[in-house]
N, C-alpha and C. Protein backbone atom coordinates (compact mmCIF):
# COMPACT_ATOMS: atom_id res chain seq x y z
N MET A 1 -6.96 11.03 25.91
CA MET A 1 -6.80 12.08 24.92
C MET A 1 -7.87 13.13 25.18
N MET A 2 -7.49 14.39 25.15
CA MET A 2 -8.42 15.47 25.41
C MET A 2 -9.05 15.94 24.11
N ARG A 3 -10.35 16.26 24.18
CA ARG A 3 -11.03 16.86 23.05
C ARG A 3 -10.66 18.34 23.02
N ARG A 4 -10.46 18.86 21.84
CA ARG A 4 -10.12 20.27 21.71
C ARG A 4 -11.35 21.13 21.83
N ASP A 5 -11.16 22.33 22.29
CA ASP A 5 -12.21 23.33 22.19
C ASP A 5 -11.62 24.52 21.44
N ASP A 6 -12.34 25.62 21.40
CA ASP A 6 -11.89 26.76 20.59
C ASP A 6 -10.62 27.41 21.12
N THR A 7 -10.28 27.22 22.38
CA THR A 7 -9.12 27.89 22.93
C THR A 7 -7.93 26.97 23.11
N GLU A 8 -8.14 25.68 23.12
CA GLU A 8 -7.07 24.73 23.38
C GLU A 8 -6.74 23.98 22.10
N ARG A 9 -5.51 24.08 21.64
CA ARG A 9 -5.08 23.39 20.43
C ARG A 9 -4.09 22.30 20.82
N THR A 10 -4.40 21.07 20.45
CA THR A 10 -3.50 19.96 20.75
C THR A 10 -3.34 19.11 19.51
N GLU A 11 -2.27 18.36 19.45
CA GLU A 11 -2.10 17.38 18.39
C GLU A 11 -3.00 16.19 18.70
N THR A 12 -3.59 15.61 17.66
CA THR A 12 -4.51 14.51 17.86
C THR A 12 -4.04 13.31 17.05
N THR A 13 -3.93 12.18 17.71
CA THR A 13 -3.63 10.92 17.06
C THR A 13 -4.79 9.98 17.31
N MET A 14 -5.26 9.31 16.28
CA MET A 14 -6.39 8.41 16.43
C MET A 14 -6.02 7.19 17.26
N THR A 15 -6.99 6.72 18.01
CA THR A 15 -6.82 5.49 18.78
C THR A 15 -7.79 4.45 18.25
N ASP A 16 -7.63 3.21 18.68
CA ASP A 16 -8.52 2.13 18.24
C ASP A 16 -9.97 2.48 18.53
N GLY A 17 -10.83 2.16 17.60
CA GLY A 17 -12.25 2.40 17.77
C GLY A 17 -12.71 3.74 17.25
N GLN A 18 -11.79 4.68 17.11
CA GLN A 18 -12.17 5.98 16.59
C GLN A 18 -12.32 5.91 15.08
N ILE A 19 -13.10 6.84 14.54
CA ILE A 19 -13.23 6.96 13.09
C ILE A 19 -12.91 8.39 12.68
N ALA A 20 -12.43 8.53 11.48
CA ALA A 20 -12.17 9.85 10.91
C ALA A 20 -13.04 10.03 9.68
N LEU A 21 -13.40 11.25 9.43
CA LEU A 21 -14.16 11.58 8.23
C LEU A 21 -13.55 12.79 7.56
N VAL A 22 -13.63 12.79 6.25
CA VAL A 22 -13.30 13.95 5.45
C VAL A 22 -14.56 14.23 4.64
N VAL A 23 -15.09 15.45 4.79
CA VAL A 23 -16.31 15.81 4.07
C VAL A 23 -16.01 17.06 3.25
N GLU A 24 -16.17 16.92 1.93
CA GLU A 24 -15.81 17.99 1.00
C GLU A 24 -17.07 18.66 0.46
N PHE A 25 -17.06 19.99 0.47
CA PHE A 25 -18.18 20.79 -0.02
C PHE A 25 -17.69 21.70 -1.14
N ARG A 26 -18.38 21.68 -2.28
CA ARG A 26 -18.07 22.59 -3.39
C ARG A 26 -19.17 23.64 -3.43
N ALA A 27 -18.77 24.91 -3.27
CA ALA A 27 -19.73 26.01 -3.24
C ALA A 27 -20.39 26.20 -4.60
N ALA A 28 -21.66 26.56 -4.55
CA ALA A 28 -22.36 26.98 -5.76
C ALA A 28 -21.73 28.31 -6.21
N PRO A 29 -21.82 28.64 -7.48
CA PRO A 29 -21.21 29.90 -7.96
C PRO A 29 -21.67 31.09 -7.11
N GLY A 30 -20.67 31.85 -6.63
CA GLY A 30 -20.94 33.05 -5.86
C GLY A 30 -21.39 32.82 -4.42
N ARG A 31 -21.36 31.58 -3.94
CA ARG A 31 -21.88 31.27 -2.61
C ARG A 31 -20.81 30.84 -1.61
N ILE A 32 -19.53 30.99 -1.92
CA ILE A 32 -18.49 30.49 -1.04
C ILE A 32 -18.53 31.18 0.33
N ASP A 33 -18.75 32.48 0.37
CA ASP A 33 -18.77 33.16 1.67
C ASP A 33 -19.93 32.69 2.53
N ASP A 34 -21.09 32.48 1.91
CA ASP A 34 -22.25 31.98 2.65
C ASP A 34 -22.02 30.54 3.12
N LEU A 35 -21.43 29.73 2.25
CA LEU A 35 -21.14 28.35 2.63
C LEU A 35 -20.15 28.32 3.79
N ARG A 36 -19.09 29.12 3.70
CA ARG A 36 -18.10 29.17 4.78
C ARG A 36 -18.76 29.55 6.11
N ALA A 37 -19.59 30.59 6.10
CA ALA A 37 -20.25 31.05 7.32
C ALA A 37 -21.17 29.98 7.88
N THR A 38 -21.89 29.29 7.02
CA THR A 38 -22.80 28.24 7.47
C THR A 38 -22.04 27.08 8.08
N LEU A 39 -20.98 26.63 7.42
CA LEU A 39 -20.18 25.52 7.95
C LEU A 39 -19.49 25.91 9.25
N LEU A 40 -18.95 27.11 9.31
CA LEU A 40 -18.30 27.55 10.54
C LEU A 40 -19.29 27.62 11.71
N GLY A 41 -20.55 27.90 11.41
CA GLY A 41 -21.57 27.94 12.45
C GLY A 41 -21.79 26.60 13.12
N ALA A 42 -21.47 25.51 12.43
CA ALA A 42 -21.62 24.17 13.00
C ALA A 42 -20.45 23.77 13.89
N VAL A 43 -19.35 24.50 13.83
CA VAL A 43 -18.15 24.09 14.55
C VAL A 43 -18.32 24.15 16.07
N PRO A 44 -18.71 25.27 16.66
CA PRO A 44 -18.80 25.29 18.13
C PRO A 44 -19.74 24.25 18.74
N PRO A 45 -20.98 24.09 18.23
CA PRO A 45 -21.83 23.07 18.86
C PRO A 45 -21.33 21.65 18.63
N THR A 46 -20.69 21.41 17.50
CA THR A 46 -20.17 20.07 17.24
C THR A 46 -18.99 19.76 18.16
N ARG A 47 -18.09 20.71 18.33
CA ARG A 47 -16.95 20.48 19.22
C ARG A 47 -17.39 20.22 20.65
N ALA A 48 -18.58 20.69 21.03
CA ALA A 48 -19.10 20.49 22.38
C ALA A 48 -19.78 19.13 22.56
N GLU A 49 -19.98 18.39 21.47
CA GLU A 49 -20.66 17.11 21.55
C GLU A 49 -19.79 16.04 22.21
N ALA A 50 -20.46 15.17 22.96
CA ALA A 50 -19.78 13.99 23.50
C ALA A 50 -19.28 13.15 22.34
N GLY A 51 -18.06 12.71 22.39
CA GLY A 51 -17.53 11.85 21.35
C GLY A 51 -16.81 12.58 20.24
N CYS A 52 -16.87 13.91 20.23
CA CYS A 52 -16.14 14.68 19.22
C CYS A 52 -14.70 14.84 19.69
N VAL A 53 -13.77 14.29 18.92
CA VAL A 53 -12.35 14.39 19.25
C VAL A 53 -11.74 15.56 18.48
N LEU A 54 -12.13 15.73 17.22
CA LEU A 54 -11.59 16.78 16.37
C LEU A 54 -12.64 17.15 15.34
N TYR A 55 -12.82 18.44 15.10
CA TYR A 55 -13.79 18.90 14.11
C TYR A 55 -13.26 20.23 13.57
N ASP A 56 -12.57 20.17 12.44
CA ASP A 56 -11.94 21.35 11.86
C ASP A 56 -12.39 21.56 10.43
N LEU A 57 -12.62 22.83 10.09
CA LEU A 57 -12.96 23.20 8.72
C LEU A 57 -11.70 23.72 8.04
N HIS A 58 -11.47 23.29 6.81
CA HIS A 58 -10.29 23.68 6.04
C HIS A 58 -10.70 24.26 4.70
N GLU A 59 -9.86 25.15 4.17
CA GLU A 59 -10.00 25.66 2.81
C GLU A 59 -9.06 24.88 1.91
N HIS A 60 -9.53 24.52 0.73
CA HIS A 60 -8.68 23.86 -0.25
C HIS A 60 -7.66 24.88 -0.75
N THR A 61 -6.40 24.51 -0.78
CA THR A 61 -5.36 25.47 -1.16
C THR A 61 -5.31 25.73 -2.66
N ASP A 62 -5.87 24.85 -3.48
CA ASP A 62 -5.81 25.01 -4.93
C ASP A 62 -7.16 25.36 -5.55
N ASP A 63 -8.24 25.26 -4.79
CA ASP A 63 -9.57 25.53 -5.33
C ASP A 63 -10.35 26.36 -4.31
N PRO A 64 -10.52 27.65 -4.57
CA PRO A 64 -11.16 28.53 -3.58
C PRO A 64 -12.64 28.24 -3.34
N ASP A 65 -13.24 27.39 -4.15
CA ASP A 65 -14.65 27.06 -3.97
C ASP A 65 -14.88 25.78 -3.19
N VAL A 66 -13.81 25.21 -2.62
CA VAL A 66 -13.93 23.95 -1.89
C VAL A 66 -13.53 24.15 -0.43
N LEU A 67 -14.42 23.69 0.46
CA LEU A 67 -14.17 23.65 1.90
C LEU A 67 -14.28 22.20 2.35
N VAL A 68 -13.49 21.84 3.37
CA VAL A 68 -13.42 20.44 3.79
C VAL A 68 -13.42 20.36 5.31
N PHE A 69 -14.31 19.53 5.85
CA PHE A 69 -14.25 19.20 7.27
C PHE A 69 -13.34 17.99 7.44
N TYR A 70 -12.47 18.03 8.45
CA TYR A 70 -11.73 16.86 8.90
C TYR A 70 -12.22 16.59 10.31
N GLU A 71 -12.74 15.39 10.53
CA GLU A 71 -13.39 15.04 11.78
C GLU A 71 -12.80 13.76 12.34
N ILE A 72 -12.67 13.69 13.66
CA ILE A 72 -12.37 12.44 14.34
C ILE A 72 -13.41 12.27 15.43
N TRP A 73 -13.99 11.07 15.47
CA TRP A 73 -15.03 10.74 16.44
C TRP A 73 -14.58 9.57 17.29
N ALA A 74 -14.99 9.58 18.55
CA ALA A 74 -14.60 8.53 19.49
C ALA A 74 -15.07 7.16 19.05
N SER A 75 -16.17 7.13 18.30
CA SER A 75 -16.73 5.85 17.85
C SER A 75 -17.71 6.12 16.71
N PRO A 76 -18.05 5.08 15.95
CA PRO A 76 -19.11 5.25 14.95
C PRO A 76 -20.43 5.71 15.58
N ALA A 77 -20.73 5.24 16.79
CA ALA A 77 -21.96 5.65 17.47
C ALA A 77 -21.95 7.15 17.78
N ALA A 78 -20.80 7.68 18.18
CA ALA A 78 -20.70 9.11 18.45
C ALA A 78 -20.96 9.91 17.18
N HIS A 79 -20.42 9.44 16.06
CA HIS A 79 -20.69 10.14 14.80
C HIS A 79 -22.15 10.02 14.40
N ALA A 80 -22.74 8.87 14.60
CA ALA A 80 -24.16 8.69 14.28
C ALA A 80 -25.02 9.64 15.10
N ALA A 81 -24.68 9.82 16.38
CA ALA A 81 -25.42 10.75 17.23
C ALA A 81 -25.25 12.18 16.71
N HIS A 82 -24.06 12.52 16.27
CA HIS A 82 -23.80 13.85 15.69
C HIS A 82 -24.70 14.09 14.49
N ASP A 83 -24.83 13.08 13.65
CA ASP A 83 -25.66 13.23 12.45
C ASP A 83 -27.13 13.49 12.76
N GLU A 84 -27.55 13.21 13.99
CA GLU A 84 -28.94 13.40 14.38
C GLU A 84 -29.18 14.71 15.14
N THR A 85 -28.15 15.53 15.31
CA THR A 85 -28.32 16.77 16.08
C THR A 85 -29.07 17.83 15.28
N GLU A 86 -29.66 18.76 16.02
CA GLU A 86 -30.42 19.83 15.39
C GLU A 86 -29.54 20.73 14.52
N HIS A 87 -28.32 21.02 14.98
CA HIS A 87 -27.47 21.91 14.17
C HIS A 87 -27.04 21.26 12.86
N ILE A 88 -26.91 19.95 12.84
CA ILE A 88 -26.57 19.28 11.58
C ILE A 88 -27.80 19.19 10.67
N ALA A 89 -28.98 19.01 11.24
CA ALA A 89 -30.21 19.05 10.43
C ALA A 89 -30.36 20.42 9.78
N THR A 90 -30.09 21.47 10.53
CA THR A 90 -30.17 22.83 10.00
C THR A 90 -29.14 23.03 8.89
N LEU A 91 -27.93 22.53 9.12
CA LEU A 91 -26.88 22.62 8.11
C LEU A 91 -27.30 21.89 6.83
N ARG A 92 -27.78 20.69 6.97
CA ARG A 92 -28.20 19.91 5.79
C ARG A 92 -29.29 20.61 5.00
N ALA A 93 -30.21 21.26 5.69
CA ALA A 93 -31.30 21.97 5.01
C ALA A 93 -30.79 23.15 4.20
N ALA A 94 -29.70 23.77 4.66
CA ALA A 94 -29.15 24.93 3.97
C ALA A 94 -28.27 24.57 2.78
N LEU A 95 -27.71 23.37 2.78
CA LEU A 95 -26.71 23.01 1.76
C LEU A 95 -27.18 23.06 0.31
N PRO A 96 -28.39 22.64 -0.03
CA PRO A 96 -28.75 22.65 -1.46
C PRO A 96 -28.62 24.01 -2.13
N SER A 97 -28.88 25.09 -1.43
CA SER A 97 -28.77 26.42 -2.04
C SER A 97 -27.34 26.96 -2.00
N LEU A 98 -26.47 26.32 -1.26
CA LEU A 98 -25.10 26.81 -1.09
C LEU A 98 -24.06 26.00 -1.84
N THR A 99 -24.40 24.79 -2.25
CA THR A 99 -23.42 23.90 -2.86
C THR A 99 -23.78 23.57 -4.31
N ALA A 100 -22.74 23.30 -5.08
CA ALA A 100 -22.91 22.95 -6.49
C ALA A 100 -23.24 21.49 -6.68
N GLU A 101 -22.96 20.67 -5.67
CA GLU A 101 -23.18 19.23 -5.75
C GLU A 101 -23.28 18.69 -4.32
N ALA A 102 -23.70 17.45 -4.22
CA ALA A 102 -23.79 16.83 -2.89
C ALA A 102 -22.40 16.75 -2.27
N PRO A 103 -22.30 16.92 -0.96
CA PRO A 103 -20.99 16.78 -0.30
C PRO A 103 -20.41 15.38 -0.53
N ARG A 104 -19.12 15.33 -0.61
CA ARG A 104 -18.40 14.05 -0.75
C ARG A 104 -17.89 13.67 0.62
N LYS A 105 -18.29 12.51 1.12
CA LYS A 105 -17.92 12.07 2.47
C LYS A 105 -17.08 10.81 2.39
N LEU A 106 -15.91 10.85 3.04
CA LEU A 106 -15.04 9.69 3.15
C LEU A 106 -14.98 9.29 4.62
N ARG A 107 -15.35 8.06 4.92
CA ARG A 107 -15.22 7.52 6.29
C ARG A 107 -13.93 6.71 6.34
N LEU A 108 -13.10 7.00 7.33
CA LEU A 108 -11.76 6.43 7.37
C LEU A 108 -11.48 5.78 8.71
N ARG A 109 -10.64 4.77 8.68
CA ARG A 109 -10.08 4.23 9.91
C ARG A 109 -8.59 4.11 9.70
N ARG A 110 -7.86 4.38 10.76
CA ARG A 110 -6.41 4.35 10.69
C ARG A 110 -5.91 2.92 10.53
N ILE A 111 -4.87 2.77 9.74
CA ILE A 111 -4.17 1.48 9.64
C ILE A 111 -2.69 1.73 9.92
N GLU A 112 -2.03 0.71 10.40
CA GLU A 112 -0.63 0.81 10.76
C GLU A 112 0.20 -0.15 9.92
N PRO A 113 1.51 0.08 9.82
CA PRO A 113 2.36 -0.82 9.03
C PRO A 113 2.28 -2.28 9.48
N ASP A 114 1.99 -2.51 10.75
CA ASP A 114 1.92 -3.90 11.24
C ASP A 114 0.55 -4.54 10.96
N GLY A 115 -0.32 -3.81 10.27
CA GLY A 115 -1.62 -4.36 9.88
C GLY A 115 -2.73 -4.08 10.86
N THR A 116 -2.45 -3.41 11.95
CA THR A 116 -3.51 -3.11 12.92
C THR A 116 -4.21 -1.84 12.58
C-alpha cells in the first residue's frame, strides 16, 4: 500500500497491524481560523513521516468550530514516534490558546465480520 502525499490521492484500506485515530479539536471562541492554520501546518511534515499511511484534516459538517484529524499508522510504534516529533510538540504547545477543551482522541483498530 502506498502512502499518500499532497499530490497523490489514493483509497486507503487498513491492513493488519495498522491503527487508526480520530482526533477532534473544538476551537476556542473566535479561534477557528488560527486553529485550522495550525493544524494544517502539521499535515506536510506528518505525511512525510515513516509509518504514516493517511493523515487528513476534516471540518465537521454540522459544527463549524470542530476540526478532526483522521489518521492511519503502519503500527502503534509509528504513531508513538509521530507523537515525539518536533512539529507535534510545537502543535501541542499552541493548542491551549486555540482550543476550548482538550482534544478528544479515539484509537481504533479495524474489525471484520468474521471476527478478525
